[in-house]
Protein backbone atom coordinates (compact mmCIF):
# COMPACT_ATOMS: atom_id res chain seq x y z
CA MET A 1 90.35 26.77 68.73
CA ASN A 2 92.53 28.64 66.22
CA ARG A 3 91.02 26.73 63.31
CA TRP A 4 87.50 27.53 64.49
CA LEU A 5 88.35 31.22 64.88
CA GLU A 6 89.84 31.36 61.37
CA GLN A 7 87.00 29.48 59.67
CA SER A 8 83.90 30.43 61.61
CA ALA A 9 84.52 33.53 63.68
CA LYS A 10 86.84 35.58 61.45
CA PRO A 11 83.97 36.62 59.11
CA LEU A 12 82.21 38.20 62.10
CA ALA A 13 84.90 40.85 62.67
CA PRO A 14 83.79 43.22 59.88
CA LEU A 15 80.15 42.68 60.87
CA PHE A 16 80.87 43.80 64.44
CA LEU A 17 82.68 46.91 63.15
CA ARG A 18 79.85 47.67 60.73
CA LEU A 19 77.19 47.40 63.45
CA LEU A 20 79.09 49.54 65.96
CA LEU A 21 79.86 52.26 63.42
CA ALA A 22 76.29 52.16 62.08
CA TYR A 23 74.94 52.77 65.56
CA GLU A 24 77.33 55.62 66.33
CA PHE A 25 76.89 57.48 63.04
CA GLY A 26 73.16 56.73 62.89
CA GLU A 27 72.70 58.23 66.33
CA ALA A 28 74.50 61.39 65.19
CA GLY A 29 72.33 61.54 62.06
CA TRP A 30 69.07 61.19 63.98
CA GLU A 31 70.23 63.90 66.38
CA LYS A 32 70.90 66.23 63.44
CA LEU A 33 67.57 65.31 61.84
CA GLY A 34 65.65 66.71 64.79
CA GLY A 35 68.06 69.48 65.69
CA ASP A 36 69.11 72.93 64.65
CA ASN A 37 71.93 73.58 62.21
CA TRP A 38 74.95 74.66 64.23
CA PHE A 39 77.36 74.34 61.29
CA ALA A 40 77.22 78.08 60.54
CA GLU A 41 79.44 78.64 63.60
CA MET A 42 82.08 76.16 62.41
CA GLY A 43 85.24 76.80 60.42
CA PHE A 44 85.37 74.02 57.84
CA PRO A 45 88.54 72.91 56.03
CA PHE A 46 88.92 73.16 52.25
CA PRO A 47 86.89 72.37 50.13
CA PHE A 48 83.96 72.30 52.57
CA ASN A 49 84.62 75.92 53.54
CA LEU A 50 83.52 76.85 49.99
CA LEU A 51 80.06 75.36 50.53
CA PRO A 52 77.17 76.97 52.42
CA ALA A 53 76.71 75.77 56.02
CA GLN A 54 73.21 74.52 55.18
CA PHE A 55 74.59 72.32 52.40
CA ASN A 56 77.28 70.90 54.71
CA TRP A 57 74.60 70.26 57.34
CA GLN A 58 72.41 68.38 54.87
CA LEU A 59 75.39 66.46 53.50
CA ALA A 60 76.45 65.31 56.98
CA LEU A 61 72.89 64.60 58.08
CA TRP A 62 71.97 62.40 55.12
CA LEU A 63 75.33 60.63 55.07
CA GLU A 64 74.84 59.83 58.77
CA ILE A 65 71.35 58.45 57.99
CA ILE A 66 72.04 56.53 54.76
CA ALA A 67 75.56 55.19 55.47
CA PRO A 68 74.55 53.40 58.70
CA ILE A 69 71.76 51.57 56.89
CA ALA A 70 74.25 50.55 54.19
CA LEU A 71 76.77 49.43 56.82
CA ILE A 72 74.20 47.33 58.66
CA VAL A 73 73.42 45.29 55.55
CA GLY A 74 76.95 45.52 54.16
CA PHE A 75 76.08 47.39 50.97
CA MET A 76 78.81 49.48 49.28
CA THR A 77 80.76 49.16 52.51
CA ARG A 78 84.05 50.48 51.17
CA PHE A 79 82.40 53.55 49.62
CA PHE A 80 80.34 54.45 52.69
CA SER A 81 83.26 53.74 55.05
CA ALA A 82 85.50 56.07 53.02
CA ALA A 83 82.76 58.74 52.92
CA LEU A 84 82.28 58.49 56.70
CA ALA A 85 86.07 58.67 57.13
CA VAL A 86 86.11 61.99 55.25
CA LEU A 87 83.21 63.20 57.42
CA THR A 88 85.14 62.13 60.52
CA ILE A 89 88.30 63.94 59.43
CA VAL A 90 86.24 67.10 58.88
CA ALA A 91 84.63 66.64 62.31
CA ILE A 92 88.01 66.20 63.98
CA THR A 93 89.45 69.32 62.35
CA THR A 94 86.40 71.50 62.99
CA ALA A 95 85.01 70.36 66.32
CA HIS A 96 87.31 67.94 68.15
CA TRP A 97 90.86 69.16 67.56
CA PRO A 98 92.24 71.56 70.18
CA ALA A 99 91.73 75.18 69.19
CA GLU A 100 95.24 75.95 70.31
CA TRP A 101 98.26 73.86 71.29
CA HIS A 102 101.97 74.60 71.44
CA THR A 103 103.57 71.30 72.44
CA LEU A 104 102.88 67.64 71.75
CA THR A 105 102.05 67.28 75.45
CA GLU A 106 99.28 69.86 75.07
CA LEU A 107 98.05 68.17 71.91
CA TRP A 108 98.04 64.78 73.63
CA GLN A 109 95.69 66.18 76.30
CA GLY A 110 93.04 66.35 73.56
CA TYR A 111 93.20 62.58 73.19
CA SER A 112 90.25 62.23 75.54
CA ILE A 113 86.53 61.55 75.52
CA SER A 114 85.45 64.84 77.09
CA ASP A 115 86.74 68.27 76.21
CA LYS A 116 88.50 69.93 79.12
CA GLY A 117 89.80 72.79 77.04
CA PHE A 118 92.20 70.66 75.01
CA GLY A 119 89.87 69.15 72.41
CA ASN A 120 88.36 65.67 72.44
CA TYR A 121 89.46 63.72 69.39
CA LYS A 122 89.82 60.24 70.95
CA LEU A 123 86.49 58.73 69.82
CA PRO A 124 86.52 60.22 66.32
CA LEU A 125 90.08 58.99 65.85
CA MET A 126 89.02 55.49 66.94
CA TYR A 127 86.11 55.63 64.49
CA LEU A 128 88.51 56.75 61.78
CA PHE A 129 90.71 53.70 62.31
CA MET A 130 87.67 51.39 62.30
CA LEU A 131 86.41 52.99 59.09
CA GLY A 132 89.88 52.62 57.59
CA SER A 133 89.79 48.92 58.41
CA LEU A 134 86.44 48.50 56.64
CA THR A 135 87.59 50.59 53.69
CA LEU A 136 90.64 48.39 53.22
CA SER A 137 89.14 44.99 54.05
CA GLY A 138 85.57 45.36 52.82
CA SER A 139 82.31 44.27 54.35
CA GLY A 140 83.13 40.69 55.20
CA LEU A 141 81.26 37.49 54.47
CA PHE A 142 77.89 38.45 55.96
CA SER A 143 76.97 41.28 53.62
CA VAL A 144 75.02 42.32 50.56
CA ASP A 145 78.36 43.15 48.92
CA VAL A 146 79.46 39.50 49.01
CA TRP A 147 76.00 38.27 48.01
CA LEU A 148 76.00 40.58 44.96
CA GLN A 149 79.56 39.62 44.08
CA ARG A 150 78.64 35.92 44.12
CA ARG A 151 75.54 36.54 41.98
CA THR A 152 77.38 38.55 39.36
CA LEU A 153 80.50 36.40 38.98
CA PRO A 154 80.64 34.86 35.51
CA VAL A 155 80.04 31.15 35.47
CA SER A 156 83.21 29.31 34.48
CA ALA A 157 83.10 27.27 31.26
CA GLU A 158 84.65 24.37 33.16
CA GLN A 159 81.66 23.97 35.48
């Protein structure tokens, strides 16, 4: 069983992460595509606070549309995972982190799915760790990245 998992199933792990993250971020992108810009009411961290809210909205919207497509096929997985990680960090600091906390116990109350006055950074933090895994490990065997890498490797003189 262990041998089968290592040889056959292990390459599926990044694919599962890519598909889950593509769905979650794609859903957020499609919601923004048809919605109103509510970024003007947000306090963005540096350097995004230097940019107009409309630019930040468009940046997030198109990243959440394009990156999921790239993740599905496994194209530029490390780049798009890192870009979505930055987006997620910005989202945590602007929308999901508790507005106010004085103790670690109060902060820990924000580690939840729904905001009950203490923030709700659990899901974005989980996405951040998944994105970190893809950024560090790459797209996995079933991806355009690997296909391109195999096509562009120089042919050895010994072959």
